[in-house]
Amino acid sequence: MSSQETLITTHSVETPSGRISYASAGSGPAALFVHGVVLNKHLWRHQLAGLSDVRRCIAVDLDGGRGMRAPGRMA
């Protein structure tokens, strides 16, 4: 599958600390992509597409990213 045809799916997981959103593509050994401050998982969309034929690529949204929601007040 070419990188233009790669299916990248988004998911979320509820944790005691809040919801964590992540995107994944491909199968095989995992490669984890972590963004910097003020960015989000979409930063890695081209890498997920390009590497998904040889790896299961996972890009997470960290605390403060648009896909992360913490319950209550954030310090």
PDB file of N, CA and C in Angstrom:
ATOM      1  N   MET A   1       0.856  -1.174   0.000  1.00  0.00           N
ATOM      2  CA  MET A   1       0.000   0.000   0.000  1.00  0.00           C
ATOM      3  C   MET A   1       0.898   1.233   0.000  1.00  0.00           C
ATOM      4  N   SER A   2       0.637   2.175  -0.886  1.00  0.00           N
ATOM      5  CA  SER A   2       1.454   3.382  -0.941  1.00  0.00           C
ATOM      6  C   SER A   2       1.084   4.313   0.204  1.00  0.00           C
ATOM      7  N   SER A   3       1.988   5.265   0.501  1.00  0.00           N
ATOM      8  CA  SER A   3       1.738   6.186   1.608  1.00  0.00           C
ATOM      9  C   SER A   3       0.501   7.039   1.363  1.00  0.00           C
ATOM     10  N   GLN A   4       0.121   7.252   0.086  1.00  0.00           N
ATOM     11  CA  GLN A   4      -1.079   8.029  -0.204  1.00  0.00           C
ATOM     12  C   GLN A   4      -2.344   7.222   0.072  1.00  0.00           C
ATOM     13  N   GLU A   5      -2.240   5.883   0.105  1.00  0.00           N
ATOM     14  CA  GLU A   5      -3.385   5.024   0.330  1.00  0.00           C
ATOM     15  C   GLU A   5      -3.471   4.499   1.763  1.00  0.00           C
ATOM     16  N   THR A   6      -2.507   4.825   2.601  1.00  0.00           N
ATOM     17  CA  THR A   6      -2.446   4.294   3.956  1.00  0.00           C
ATOM     18  C   THR A   6      -3.645   4.730   4.782  1.00  0.00           C
ATOM     19  N   LEU A   7      -4.241   3.761   5.464  1.00  0.00           N
ATOM     20  CA  LEU A   7      -5.358   4.048   6.355  1.00  0.00           C
ATOM     21  C   LEU A   7      -4.813   4.355   7.747  1.00  0.00           C
ATOM     22  N   ILE A   8      -4.994   5.589   8.192  1.00  0.00           N
ATOM     23  CA  ILE A   8      -4.610   5.996   9.541  1.00  0.00           C
ATOM     24  C   ILE A   8      -5.903   6.149  10.327  1.00  0.00           C
ATOM     25  N   THR A   9      -6.021   5.392  11.411  1.00  0.00           N
ATOM     26  CA  THR A   9      -7.232   5.442  12.217  1.00  0.00           C
ATOM     27  C   THR A   9      -6.953   6.151  13.537  1.00  0.00           C
ATOM     28  N   THR A  10      -7.958   6.829  14.057  1.00  0.00           N
ATOM     29  CA  THR A  10      -7.822   7.502  15.349  1.00  0.00           C
ATOM     30  C   THR A  10      -8.615   6.741  16.397  1.00  0.00           C
ATOM     31  N   HIS A  11      -8.100   6.765  17.612  1.00  0.00           N
ATOM     32  CA  HIS A  11      -8.676   6.033  18.733  1.00  0.00           C
ATOM     33  C   HIS A  11      -8.566   6.903  19.978  1.00  0.00           C
ATOM     34  N   SER A  12      -9.287   6.525  21.026  1.00  0.00           N
ATOM     35  CA  SER A  12      -9.092   7.168  22.323  1.00  0.00           C
ATOM     36  C   SER A  12      -9.279   6.128  23.416  1.00  0.00           C
ATOM     37  N   VAL A  13      -8.614   6.382  24.517  1.00  0.00           N
ATOM     38  CA  VAL A  13      -8.650   5.498  25.679  1.00  0.00           C
ATOM     39  C   VAL A  13      -8.953   6.353  26.900  1.00  0.00           C
ATOM     40  N   GLU A  14      -9.934   5.944  27.680  1.00  0.00           N
ATOM     41  CA  GLU A  14     -10.230   6.639  28.933  1.00  0.00           C
ATOM     42  C   GLU A  14      -9.316   6.089  30.022  1.00  0.00           C
ATOM     43  N   THR A  15      -8.641   6.980  30.740  1.00  0.00           N
ATOM     44  CA  THR A  15      -7.772   6.599  31.848  1.00  0.00           C
ATOM     45  C   THR A  15      -8.206   7.384  33.083  1.00  0.00           C
ATOM     46  N   PRO A  16      -7.721   7.044  34.263  1.00  0.00           N
ATOM     47  CA  PRO A  16      -8.050   7.833  35.451  1.00  0.00           C
ATOM     48  C   PRO A  16      -7.607   9.292  35.324  1.00  0.00           C
ATOM     49  N   SER A  17      -6.606   9.552  34.482  1.00  0.00           N
ATOM     50  CA  SER A  17      -6.106  10.914  34.297  1.00  0.00           C
ATOM     51  C   SER A  17      -6.812  11.667  33.185  1.00  0.00           C
ATOM     52  N   GLY A  18      -7.674  11.008  32.436  1.00  0.00           N
ATOM     53  CA  GLY A  18      -8.382  11.649  31.340  1.00  0.00           C
ATOM     54  C   GLY A  18      -8.326  10.812  30.080  1.00  0.00           C
ATOM     55  N   ARG A  19      -8.872  11.356  29.011  1.00  0.00           N
ATOM     56  CA  ARG A  19      -8.902  10.652  27.737  1.00  0.00           C
ATOM     57  C   ARG A  19      -7.600  10.894  26.978  1.00  0.00           C
ATOM     58  N   ILE A  20      -7.031   9.845  26.420  1.00  0.00           N
ATOM     59  CA  ILE A  20      -5.839   9.955  25.589  1.00  0.00           C
ATOM     60  C   ILE A  20      -6.230   9.548  24.172  1.00  0.00           C
ATOM     61  N   SER A  21      -5.922  10.403  23.217  1.00  0.00           N
ATOM     62  CA  SER A  21      -6.210  10.148  21.819  1.00  0.00           C
ATOM     63  C   SER A  21      -4.920   9.714  21.123  1.00  0.00           C
ATOM     64  N   TYR A  22      -5.054   8.797  20.168  1.00  0.00           N
ATOM     65  CA  TYR A  22      -3.882   8.390  19.390  1.00  0.00           C
ATOM     66  C   TYR A  22      -4.304   7.971  17.996  1.00  0.00           C
ATOM     67  N   ALA A  23      -3.356   8.009  17.084  1.00  0.00           N
ATOM     68  CA  ALA A  23      -3.574   7.567  15.716  1.00  0.00           C
ATOM     69  C   ALA A  23      -2.677   6.364  15.478  1.00  0.00           C
ATOM     70  N   SER A  24      -3.137   5.435  14.650  1.00  0.00           N
ATOM     71  CA  SER A  24      -2.303   4.271  14.352  1.00  0.00           C
ATOM     72  C   SER A  24      -2.482   3.849  12.904  1.00  0.00           C
ATOM     73  N   ALA A  25      -1.444   3.180  12.398  1.00  0.00           N
ATOM     74  CA  ALA A  25      -1.457   2.658  11.033  1.00  0.00           C
ATOM     75  C   ALA A  25      -0.468   1.513  10.959  1.00  0.00           C
ATOM     76  N   GLY A  26      -0.733   0.553  10.091  1.00  0.00           N
ATOM     77  CA  GLY A  26       0.192  -0.533   9.835  1.00  0.00           C
ATOM     78  C   GLY A  26       0.111  -1.659  10.839  1.00  0.00           C
ATOM     79  N   SER A  27       1.055  -2.599  10.685  1.00  0.00           N
ATOM     80  CA  SER A  27       1.148  -3.739  11.591  1.00  0.00           C
ATOM     81  C   SER A  27       2.605  -4.144  11.704  1.00  0.00           C
ATOM     82  N   GLY A  28       2.880  -4.989  12.682  1.00  0.00           N
ATOM     83  CA  GLY A  28       4.253  -5.422  12.926  1.00  0.00           C
ATOM     84  C   GLY A  28       4.793  -4.799  14.189  1.00  0.00           C
ATOM     85  N   PRO A  29       6.122  -4.772  14.322  1.00  0.00           N
ATOM     86  CA  PRO A  29       6.739  -4.159  15.507  1.00  0.00           C
ATOM     87  C   PRO A  29       6.313  -2.691  15.611  1.00  0.00           C
ATOM     88  N   ALA A  30       6.058  -2.249  16.828  1.00  0.00           N
ATOM     89  CA  ALA A  30       5.545  -0.891  17.039  1.00  0.00           C
ATOM     90  C   ALA A  30       6.632   0.164  16.972  1.00  0.00           C
ATOM     91  N   ALA A  31       6.250   1.312  16.423  1.00  0.00           N
ATOM     92  CA  ALA A  31       7.064   2.534  16.456  1.00  0.00           C
ATOM     93  C   ALA A  31       6.177   3.611  17.064  1.00  0.00           C
ATOM     94  N   LEU A  32       6.625   4.209  18.168  1.00  0.00           N
ATOM     95  CA  LEU A  32       5.840   5.207  18.884  1.00  0.00           C
ATOM     96  C   LEU A  32       6.341   6.601  18.540  1.00  0.00           C
ATOM     97  N   PHE A  33       5.423   7.488  18.186  1.00  0.00           N
ATOM     98  CA  PHE A  33       5.747   8.867  17.831  1.00  0.00           C
ATOM     99  C   PHE A  33       5.157   9.790  18.893  1.00  0.00           C
ATOM    100  N   VAL A  34       6.004  10.646  19.457  1.00  0.00           N
ATOM    101  CA  VAL A  34       5.597  11.547  20.541  1.00  0.00           C
ATOM    102  C   VAL A  34       5.908  12.976  20.109  1.00  0.00           C
ATOM    103  N   HIS A  35       4.914  13.856  20.166  1.00  0.00           N
ATOM    104  CA  HIS A  35       5.091  15.245  19.746  1.00  0.00           C
ATOM    105  C   HIS A  35       5.646  16.106  20.871  1.00  0.00           C
ATOM    106  N   GLY A  36       6.050  17.314  20.521  1.00  0.00           N
ATOM    107  CA  GLY A  36       6.535  18.286  21.488  1.00  0.00           C
ATOM    108  C   GLY A  36       5.401  19.153  22.011  1.00  0.00           C
ATOM    109  N   VAL A  37       5.752  20.117  22.834  1.00  0.00           N
ATOM    110  CA  VAL A  37       4.789  21.032  23.451  1.00  0.00           C
ATOM    111  C   VAL A  37       4.057  21.827  22.371  1.00  0.00           C
ATOM    112  N   VAL A  38       2.770  22.031  22.568  1.00  0.00           N
ATOM    113  CA  VAL A  38       1.868  22.819  21.734  1.00  0.00           C
ATOM    114  C   VAL A  38       1.571  22.151  20.375  1.00  0.00           C
ATOM    115  N   LEU A  39       2.015  20.939  20.163  1.00  0.00           N
ATOM    116  CA  LEU A  39       1.724  20.215  18.928  1.00  0.00           C
ATOM    117  C   LEU A  39       0.774  19.069  19.227  1.00  0.00           C
ATOM    118  N   ASN A  40       0.444  18.269  18.222  1.00  0.00           N
ATOM    119  CA  ASN A  40      -0.420  17.113  18.443  1.00  0.00           C
ATOM    120  C   ASN A  40      -0.027  15.970  17.518  1.00  0.00           C
ATOM    121  N   LYS A  41      -0.760  14.873  17.611  1.00  0.00           N
ATOM    122  CA  LYS A  41      -0.414  13.657  16.884  1.00  0.00           C
ATOM    123  C   LYS A  41      -0.391  13.856  15.371  1.00  0.00           C
ATOM    124  N   HIS A  42      -1.083  14.836  14.855  1.00  0.00           N
ATOM    125  CA  HIS A  42      -1.132  15.058  13.410  1.00  0.00           C
ATOM    126  C   HIS A  42       0.224  15.462  12.838  1.00  0.00           C
ATOM    127  N   LEU A  43       1.134  15.913  13.681  1.00  0.00           N
ATOM    128  CA  LEU A  43       2.497  16.224  13.252  1.00  0.00           C
ATOM    129  C   LEU A  43       3.132  15.033  12.544  1.00  0.00           C
ATOM    130  N   TRP A  44       2.773  13.830  12.956  1.00  0.00           N
ATOM    131  CA  TRP A  44       3.418  12.608  12.472  1.00  0.00           C
ATOM    132  C   TRP A  44       2.684  11.925  11.329  1.00  0.00           C
ATOM    133  N   ARG A  45       1.656  12.509  10.740  1.00  0.00           N
ATOM    134  CA  ARG A  45       0.837  11.815   9.747  1.00  0.00           C
ATOM    135  C   ARG A  45       1.647  11.316   8.550  1.00  0.00           C
ATOM    136  N   HIS A  46       2.630  12.068   8.090  1.00  0.00           N
ATOM    137  CA  HIS A  46       3.429  11.628   6.939  1.00  0.00           C
ATOM    138  C   HIS A  46       4.344  10.460   7.313  1.00  0.00           C
ATOM    139  N   GLN A  47       4.889  10.474   8.527  1.00  0.00           N
ATOM    140  CA  GLN A  47       5.730   9.364   8.976  1.00  0.00           C
ATOM    141  C   GLN A  47       4.903   8.098   9.168  1.00  0.00           C
ATOM    142  N   LEU A  48       3.697   8.222   9.723  1.00  0.00           N
ATOM    143  CA  LEU A  48       2.828   7.058   9.872  1.00  0.00           C
ATOM    144  C   LEU A  48       2.529   6.448   8.514  1.00  0.00           C
ATOM    145  N   ALA A  49       2.207   7.284   7.553  1.00  0.00           N
ATOM    146  CA  ALA A  49       1.903   6.790   6.210  1.00  0.00           C
ATOM    147  C   ALA A  49       3.131   6.146   5.564  1.00  0.00           C
ATOM    148  N   GLY A  50       4.290   6.743   5.735  1.00  0.00           N
ATOM    149  CA  GLY A  50       5.492   6.240   5.090  1.00  0.00           C
ATOM    150  C   GLY A  50       6.071   4.980   5.703  1.00  0.00           C
ATOM    151  N   LEU A  51       5.854   4.771   6.991  1.00  0.00           N
ATOM    152  CA  LEU A  51       6.452   3.620   7.683  1.00  0.00           C
ATOM    153  C   LEU A  51       5.469   2.496   7.976  1.00  0.00           C
ATOM    154  N   SER A  52       4.194   2.704   7.699  1.00  0.00           N
ATOM    155  CA  SER A  52       3.181   1.727   8.103  1.00  0.00           C
ATOM    156  C   SER A  52       3.274   0.401   7.349  1.00  0.00           C
ATOM    157  N   ASP A  53       4.038   0.347   6.269  1.00  0.00           N
ATOM    158  CA  ASP A  53       4.178  -0.928   5.571  1.00  0.00           C
ATOM    159  C   ASP A  53       5.162  -1.865   6.266  1.00  0.00           C
ATOM    160  N   VAL A  54       5.961  -1.339   7.200  1.00  0.00           N
ATOM    161  CA  VAL A  54       6.936  -2.179   7.917  1.00  0.00           C
ATOM    162  C   VAL A  54       6.794  -2.122   9.434  1.00  0.00           C
ATOM    163  N   ARG A  55       5.950  -1.240   9.948  1.00  0.00           N
ATOM    164  CA  ARG A  55       5.779  -1.073  11.392  1.00  0.00           C
ATOM    165  C   ARG A  55       4.326  -0.770  11.723  1.00  0.00           C
ATOM    166  N   ARG A  56       3.942  -1.056  12.961  1.00  0.00           N
ATOM    167  CA  ARG A  56       2.688  -0.514  13.492  1.00  0.00           C
ATOM    168  C   ARG A  56       3.058   0.830  14.080  1.00  0.00           C
ATOM    169  N   CYS A  57       2.620   1.885  13.467  1.00  0.00           N
ATOM    170  CA  CYS A  57       2.963   3.245  13.880  1.00  0.00           C
ATOM    171  C   CYS A  57       1.864   3.798  14.775  1.00  0.00           C
ATOM    172  N   ILE A  58       2.267   4.343  15.913  1.00  0.00           N
ATOM    173  CA  ILE A  58       1.323   4.891  16.888  1.00  0.00           C
ATOM    174  C   ILE A  58       1.795   6.300  17.257  1.00  0.00           C
ATOM    175  N   ALA A  59       0.911   7.281  17.087  1.00  0.00           N
ATOM    176  CA  ALA A  59       1.212   8.666  17.461  1.00  0.00           C
ATOM    177  C   ALA A  59       0.212   9.087  18.530  1.00  0.00           C
ATOM    178  N   VAL A  60       0.716   9.465  19.699  1.00  0.00           N
ATOM    179  CA  VAL A  60      -0.155   9.826  20.816  1.00  0.00           C
ATOM    180  C   VAL A  60      -0.256  11.336  20.978  1.00  0.00           C
ATOM    181  N   ASP A  61      -1.377  11.778  21.549  1.00  0.00           N
ATOM    182  CA  ASP A  61      -1.528  13.169  21.964  1.00  0.00           C
ATOM    183  C   ASP A  61      -1.184  13.241  23.445  1.00  0.00           C
ATOM    184  N   LEU A  62      -0.215  14.054  23.779  1.00  0.00           N
ATOM    185  CA  LEU A  62       0.184  14.225  25.173  1.00  0.00           C
ATOM    186  C   LEU A  62      -0.707  15.246  25.863  1.00  0.00           C
ATOM    187  N   ASP A  63      -0.580  15.325  27.188  1.00  0.00           N
ATOM    188  CA  ASP A  63      -1.308  16.294  27.993  1.00  0.00           C
ATOM    189  C   ASP A  63      -1.133  17.686  27.394  1.00  0.00           C
ATOM    190  N   GLY A  64      -2.238  18.337  27.126  1.00  0.00           N
ATOM    191  CA  GLY A  64      -2.187  19.673  26.537  1.00  0.00           C
ATOM    192  C   GLY A  64      -2.406  19.648  25.040  1.00  0.00           C
ATOM    193  N   GLY A  65      -2.244  18.482  24.404  1.00  0.00           N
ATOM    194  CA  GLY A  65      -2.554  18.355  22.987  1.00  0.00           C
ATOM    195  C   GLY A  65      -4.057  18.391  22.810  1.00  0.00           C
ATOM    196  N   ARG A  66      -4.521  18.636  21.618  1.00  0.00           N
ATOM    197  CA  ARG A  66      -5.956  18.761  21.374  1.00  0.00           C
ATOM    198  C   ARG A  66      -6.708  17.470  21.645  1.00  0.00           C
ATOM    199  N   GLY A  67      -6.041  16.312  21.601  1.00  0.00           N
ATOM    200  CA  GLY A  67      -6.733  15.061  21.817  1.00  0.00           C
ATOM    201  C   GLY A  67      -6.747  14.589  23.253  1.00  0.00           C
ATOM    202  N   MET A  68      -6.137  15.335  24.168  1.00  0.00           N
ATOM    203  CA  MET A  68      -6.056  14.930  25.567  1.00  0.00           C
ATOM    204  C   MET A  68      -7.012  15.779  26.382  1.00  0.00           C
ATOM    205  N   ARG A  69      -7.828  15.150  27.178  1.00  0.00           N
ATOM    206  CA  ARG A  69      -8.749  15.878  28.044  1.00  0.00           C
ATOM    207  C   ARG A  69      -8.561  15.364  29.460  1.00  0.00           C
ATOM    208  N   ALA A  70      -8.148  16.236  30.323  1.00  0.00           N
ATOM    209  CA  ALA A  70      -7.987  15.863  31.737  1.00  0.00           C
ATOM    210  C   ALA A  70      -9.227  16.280  32.505  1.00  0.00           C
ATOM    211  N   PRO A  71      -9.662  15.472  33.443  1.00  0.00           N
ATOM    212  CA  PRO A  71     -10.826  15.845  34.243  1.00  0.00           C
ATOM    213  C   PRO A  71     -10.475  16.957  35.231  1.00  0.00           C
ATOM    214  N   GLY A  72     -11.438  17.792  35.507  1.00  0.00           N
ATOM    215  CA  GLY A  72     -11.238  18.832  36.523  1.00  0.00           C
ATOM    216  C   GLY A  72     -10.224  19.876  36.106  1.00  0.00           C
ATOM    217  N   ARG A  73      -9.698  20.568  37.085  1.00  0.00           N
ATOM    218  CA  ARG A  73      -8.737  21.648  36.848  1.00  0.00           C
ATOM    219  C   ARG A  73      -7.362  21.118  36.571  1.00  0.00           C
ATOM    220  N   MET A  74      -6.704  21.704  35.594  1.00  0.00           N
ATOM    221  CA  MET A  74      -5.325  21.322  35.284  1.00  0.00           C
ATOM    222  C   MET A  74      -4.369  22.315  35.922  1.00  0.00           C
ATOM    223  N   ALA A  75      -3.326  21.812  36.545  1.00  0.00           N
ATOM    224  CA  ALA A  75      -2.339  22.688  37.199  1.00  0.00           C
ATOM    225  C   ALA A  75      -1.413  23.308  36.186  1.00  0.00           C
TER     226      ALA A  75
END
